[in-house]
Amino acid sequence: MRAVAVAAALILNGCAVPPAPTTTLVGRYTDSLVARDTPNWRGVVGTWVAEYRADGQFFVQQVGGMWIRGRYRLDGDALMIRDLEGTGSCTHFGTDYASASYRVHLTRSELRFDALRDECSPRRFGMTVHAWRRIP
């Protein structure tokens, strides 16, 4: 019986275990968009940094370019966001475009979004084209 337990332990120790999901969105993330990612929106090409704060605020900055400030709420894996202001804010397209909802897939090292509802095409593209990498 002991030999079975030892064999099971050796087998389990050799198995790769996927990273455990994290339960908090709070933190900083980065993504880089290149010209081949977005032939229609050249203005979004570059490195982006997003920060989700514990108080429900988010800030997104294109390095050397646009910025967005807004509010978010995470309920399970459903993220609701609302742009409040900024040079890259979807408020420029109207009130209905300012808010959106996404399904989030979060691990220790990255964040992925699936759009549930977002009428703002540039934001939807920027959030979903690549996984965002967590900045330690």
C-alpha atoms as a PDB file:
ATOM      1  CA  MET A   1       0.000   0.000   0.000  1.00  0.00           C
ATOM      2  CA  ARG A   2       2.852   2.336   0.885  1.00  0.00           C
ATOM      3  CA  ALA A   3       4.470   1.675  -2.511  1.00  0.00           C
ATOM      4  CA  VAL A   4       1.256   2.817  -4.255  1.00  0.00           C
ATOM      5  CA  ALA A   5       1.221   6.049  -2.251  1.00  0.00           C
ATOM      6  CA  VAL A   6       4.890   6.743  -3.051  1.00  0.00           C
ATOM      7  CA  ALA A   7       4.328   6.022  -6.760  1.00  0.00           C
ATOM      8  CA  ALA A   8       1.290   8.333  -6.826  1.00  0.00           C
ATOM      9  CA  ALA A   9       3.288  11.116  -5.141  1.00  0.00           C
ATOM     10  CA  LEU A  10       6.118  10.750  -7.664  1.00  0.00           C
ATOM     11  CA  ILE A  11       3.692  10.848 -10.582  1.00  0.00           C
ATOM     12  CA  LEU A  12       1.886  13.918  -9.231  1.00  0.00           C
ATOM     13  CA  ASN A  13       5.129  15.766  -8.544  1.00  0.00           C
ATOM     14  CA  GLY A  14       6.153  15.258 -12.151  1.00  0.00           C
ATOM     15  CA  CYS A  15       2.904  16.626 -13.573  1.00  0.00           C
ATOM     16  CA  ALA A  16       2.770  20.236 -14.674  1.00  0.00           C
ATOM     17  CA  VAL A  17       0.204  22.171 -12.703  1.00  0.00           C
ATOM     18  CA  PRO A  18      -1.352  25.167 -14.483  1.00  0.00           C
ATOM     19  CA  PRO A  19      -1.025  28.488 -12.691  1.00  0.00           C
ATOM     20  CA  ALA A  20      -3.814  29.094 -10.211  1.00  0.00           C
ATOM     21  CA  PRO A  21      -6.217  31.871 -11.111  1.00  0.00           C
ATOM     22  CA  THR A  22      -6.061  34.987  -9.060  1.00  0.00           C
ATOM     23  CA  THR A  23      -9.239  36.469  -7.640  1.00  0.00           C
ATOM     24  CA  THR A  24      -8.380  40.142  -7.914  1.00  0.00           C
ATOM     25  CA  LEU A  25      -8.171  42.367 -10.934  1.00  0.00           C
ATOM     26  CA  VAL A  26      -6.333  45.024  -8.905  1.00  0.00           C
ATOM     27  CA  GLY A  27      -2.930  45.672 -10.423  1.00  0.00           C
ATOM     28  CA  ARG A  28      -1.130  46.929 -13.503  1.00  0.00           C
ATOM     29  CA  TYR A  29      -1.112  45.283 -16.928  1.00  0.00           C
ATOM     30  CA  THR A  30       0.533  46.042 -20.256  1.00  0.00           C
ATOM     31  CA  ASP A  31      -0.073  45.256 -23.921  1.00  0.00           C
ATOM     32  CA  SER A  32       1.579  46.394 -27.141  1.00  0.00           C
ATOM     33  CA  LEU A  33      -0.269  46.916 -30.391  1.00  0.00           C
ATOM     34  CA  VAL A  34       1.607  46.914 -33.685  1.00  0.00           C
ATOM     35  CA  ALA A  35       0.539  48.163 -37.113  1.00  0.00           C
ATOM     36  CA  ARG A  36      -0.295  44.686 -38.410  1.00  0.00           C
ATOM     37  CA  ASP A  37      -2.726  44.248 -35.477  1.00  0.00           C
ATOM     38  CA  THR A  38      -4.819  47.223 -36.501  1.00  0.00           C
ATOM     39  CA  PRO A  39      -4.626  48.598 -40.024  1.00  0.00           C
ATOM     40  CA  ASN A  40      -7.742  50.745 -39.442  1.00  0.00           C
ATOM     41  CA  TRP A  41      -6.763  52.458 -36.177  1.00  0.00           C
ATOM     42  CA  ARG A  42      -3.123  53.506 -36.497  1.00  0.00           C
ATOM     43  CA  GLY A  43      -3.525  55.886 -33.537  1.00  0.00           C
ATOM     44  CA  VAL A  44      -3.752  52.970 -31.095  1.00  0.00           C
ATOM     45  CA  VAL A  45      -0.413  51.439 -32.125  1.00  0.00           C
ATOM     46  CA  GLY A  46       2.032  51.431 -29.233  1.00  0.00           C
ATOM     47  CA  THR A  47       2.466  50.225 -25.679  1.00  0.00           C
ATOM     48  CA  TRP A  48      -0.478  50.524 -23.307  1.00  0.00           C
ATOM     49  CA  VAL A  49      -0.560  50.289 -19.514  1.00  0.00           C
ATOM     50  CA  ALA A  50      -3.812  49.662 -17.627  1.00  0.00           C
ATOM     51  CA  GLU A  51      -4.180  50.015 -13.871  1.00  0.00           C
ATOM     52  CA  TYR A  52      -7.188  48.675 -11.958  1.00  0.00           C
ATOM     53  CA  ARG A  53      -7.366  50.107  -8.438  1.00  0.00           C
ATOM     54  CA  ALA A  54      -9.043  48.638  -5.369  1.00  0.00           C
ATOM     55  CA  ASP A  55     -11.390  51.646  -5.154  1.00  0.00           C
ATOM     56  CA  GLY A  56     -13.057  50.739  -8.498  1.00  0.00           C
ATOM     57  CA  GLN A  57     -11.174  53.217 -10.660  1.00  0.00           C
ATOM     58  CA  PHE A  58      -9.171  52.313 -13.741  1.00  0.00           C
ATOM     59  CA  PHE A  59      -6.590  54.263 -15.711  1.00  0.00           C
ATOM     60  CA  VAL A  60      -5.316  53.343 -19.155  1.00  0.00           C
ATOM     61  CA  GLN A  61      -2.392  55.150 -20.775  1.00  0.00           C
ATOM     62  CA  GLN A  62      -0.865  54.757 -24.195  1.00  0.00           C
ATOM     63  CA  VAL A  63       2.826  55.460 -23.582  1.00  0.00           C
ATOM     64  CA  GLY A  64       3.341  58.942 -25.011  1.00  0.00           C
ATOM     65  CA  GLY A  65      -0.255  59.190 -26.187  1.00  0.00           C
ATOM     66  CA  MET A  66      -3.902  58.809 -25.267  1.00  0.00           C
ATOM     67  CA  TRP A  67      -5.303  58.186 -21.789  1.00  0.00           C
ATOM     68  CA  ILE A  68      -8.606  57.044 -20.286  1.00  0.00           C
ATOM     69  CA  ARG A  69      -9.973  57.270 -16.743  1.00  0.00           C
ATOM     70  CA  GLY A  70     -13.073  55.385 -15.640  1.00  0.00           C
ATOM     71  CA  ARG A  71     -14.831  53.161 -13.129  1.00  0.00           C
ATOM     72  CA  TYR A  72     -15.139  49.383 -13.063  1.00  0.00           C
ATOM     73  CA  ARG A  73     -16.933  46.672 -11.151  1.00  0.00           C
ATOM     74  CA  LEU A  74     -15.976  42.995 -11.192  1.00  0.00           C
ATOM     75  CA  ASP A  75     -18.736  40.544 -10.297  1.00  0.00           C
ATOM     76  CA  GLY A  76     -17.341  37.008 -10.511  1.00  0.00           C
ATOM     77  CA  ASP A  77     -15.795  36.964 -13.988  1.00  0.00           C
ATOM     78  CA  ALA A  78     -18.070  39.703 -15.389  1.00  0.00           C
ATOM     79  CA  LEU A  79     -16.411  43.106 -15.687  1.00  0.00           C
ATOM     80  CA  MET A  80     -18.485  46.247 -16.129  1.00  0.00           C
ATOM     81  CA  ILE A  81     -16.576  49.376 -17.142  1.00  0.00           C
ATOM     82  CA  ARG A  82     -17.520  52.981 -17.792  1.00  0.00           C
ATOM     83  CA  ASP A  83     -15.189  55.555 -19.312  1.00  0.00           C
ATOM     84  CA  LEU A  84     -15.414  58.912 -17.546  1.00  0.00           C
ATOM     85  CA  GLU A  85     -12.877  61.038 -19.400  1.00  0.00           C
ATOM     86  CA  GLY A  86      -9.695  61.059 -21.434  1.00  0.00           C
ATOM     87  CA  THR A  87      -8.295  61.706 -24.874  1.00  0.00           C
ATOM     88  CA  GLY A  88      -8.927  58.056 -25.820  1.00  0.00           C
ATOM     89  CA  SER A  89     -12.214  57.762 -23.952  1.00  0.00           C
ATOM     90  CA  CYS A  90     -15.238  56.237 -25.644  1.00  0.00           C
ATOM     91  CA  THR A  91     -17.329  59.078 -24.154  1.00  0.00           C
ATOM     92  CA  HIS A  92     -16.375  60.966 -27.332  1.00  0.00           C
ATOM     93  CA  PHE A  93     -18.755  58.659 -29.216  1.00  0.00           C
ATOM     94  CA  GLY A  94     -21.716  59.222 -26.862  1.00  0.00           C
ATOM     95  CA  THR A  95     -23.051  58.012 -23.531  1.00  0.00           C
ATOM     96  CA  ASP A  96     -24.052  54.533 -24.731  1.00  0.00           C
ATOM     97  CA  TYR A  97     -20.513  53.948 -25.966  1.00  0.00           C
ATOM     98  CA  ALA A  98     -18.923  54.885 -22.627  1.00  0.00           C
ATOM     99  CA  SER A  99     -20.016  51.684 -20.846  1.00  0.00           C
ATOM    100  CA  ALA A 100     -19.282  48.062 -21.664  1.00  0.00           C
ATOM    101  CA  SER A 101     -19.175  44.589 -20.179  1.00  0.00           C
ATOM    102  CA  TYR A 102     -16.582  41.855 -20.596  1.00  0.00           C
ATOM    103  CA  ARG A 103     -15.892  38.329 -19.382  1.00  0.00           C
ATOM    104  CA  VAL A 104     -12.427  38.242 -17.784  1.00  0.00           C
ATOM    105  CA  HIS A 105      -9.969  35.357 -17.704  1.00  0.00           C
ATOM    106  CA  LEU A 106      -7.381  36.136 -15.070  1.00  0.00           C
ATOM    107  CA  THR A 107      -4.254  34.245 -14.033  1.00  0.00           C
ATOM    108  CA  ARG A 108      -1.256  35.318 -11.996  1.00  0.00           C
ATOM    109  CA  SER A 109       0.528  36.555 -15.117  1.00  0.00           C
ATOM    110  CA  GLU A 110      -2.105  37.638 -17.620  1.00  0.00           C
ATOM    111  CA  LEU A 111      -5.547  39.041 -18.229  1.00  0.00           C
ATOM    112  CA  ARG A 112      -7.800  38.265 -21.205  1.00  0.00           C
ATOM    113  CA  PHE A 113     -11.113  39.849 -22.106  1.00  0.00           C
ATOM    114  CA  ASP A 114     -14.091  38.548 -24.111  1.00  0.00           C
ATOM    115  CA  ALA A 115     -16.566  41.264 -25.069  1.00  0.00           C
ATOM    116  CA  LEU A 116     -20.089  40.678 -23.803  1.00  0.00           C
ATOM    117  CA  ARG A 117     -21.294  44.145 -24.827  1.00  0.00           C
ATOM    118  CA  ASP A 118     -19.200  47.023 -26.125  1.00  0.00           C
ATOM    119  CA  GLU A 119     -20.333  49.446 -28.833  1.00  0.00           C
ATOM    120  CA  CYS A 120     -16.975  51.246 -28.884  1.00  0.00           C
ATOM    121  CA  SER A 121     -14.998  49.404 -31.577  1.00  0.00           C
ATOM    122  CA  PRO A 122     -11.527  50.834 -30.790  1.00  0.00           C
ATOM    123  CA  ARG A 123     -11.843  49.912 -27.091  1.00  0.00           C
ATOM    124  CA  ARG A 124     -13.225  46.449 -27.873  1.00  0.00           C
ATOM    125  CA  PHE A 125     -10.340  45.846 -30.254  1.00  0.00           C
ATOM    126  CA  GLY A 126      -7.688  47.082 -27.800  1.00  0.00           C
ATOM    127  CA  MET A 127      -9.021  45.019 -24.931  1.00  0.00           C
ATOM    128  CA  THR A 128      -9.415  41.753 -26.826  1.00  0.00           C
ATOM    129  CA  VAL A 129      -6.687  41.508 -29.487  1.00  0.00           C
ATOM    130  CA  HIS A 130      -4.016  40.131 -27.085  1.00  0.00           C
ATOM    131  CA  ALA A 131      -3.717  38.993 -23.510  1.00  0.00           C
ATOM    132  CA  TRP A 132      -2.582  41.760 -21.159  1.00  0.00           C
ATOM    133  CA  ARG A 133       0.507  40.849 -19.121  1.00  0.00           C
ATOM    134  CA  ARG A 134       0.573  41.627 -15.408  1.00  0.00           C
ATOM    135  CA  ILE A 135       3.309  44.066 -14.396  1.00  0.00           C
ATOM    136  CA  PRO A 136       4.955  42.883 -11.166  1.00  0.00           C
END
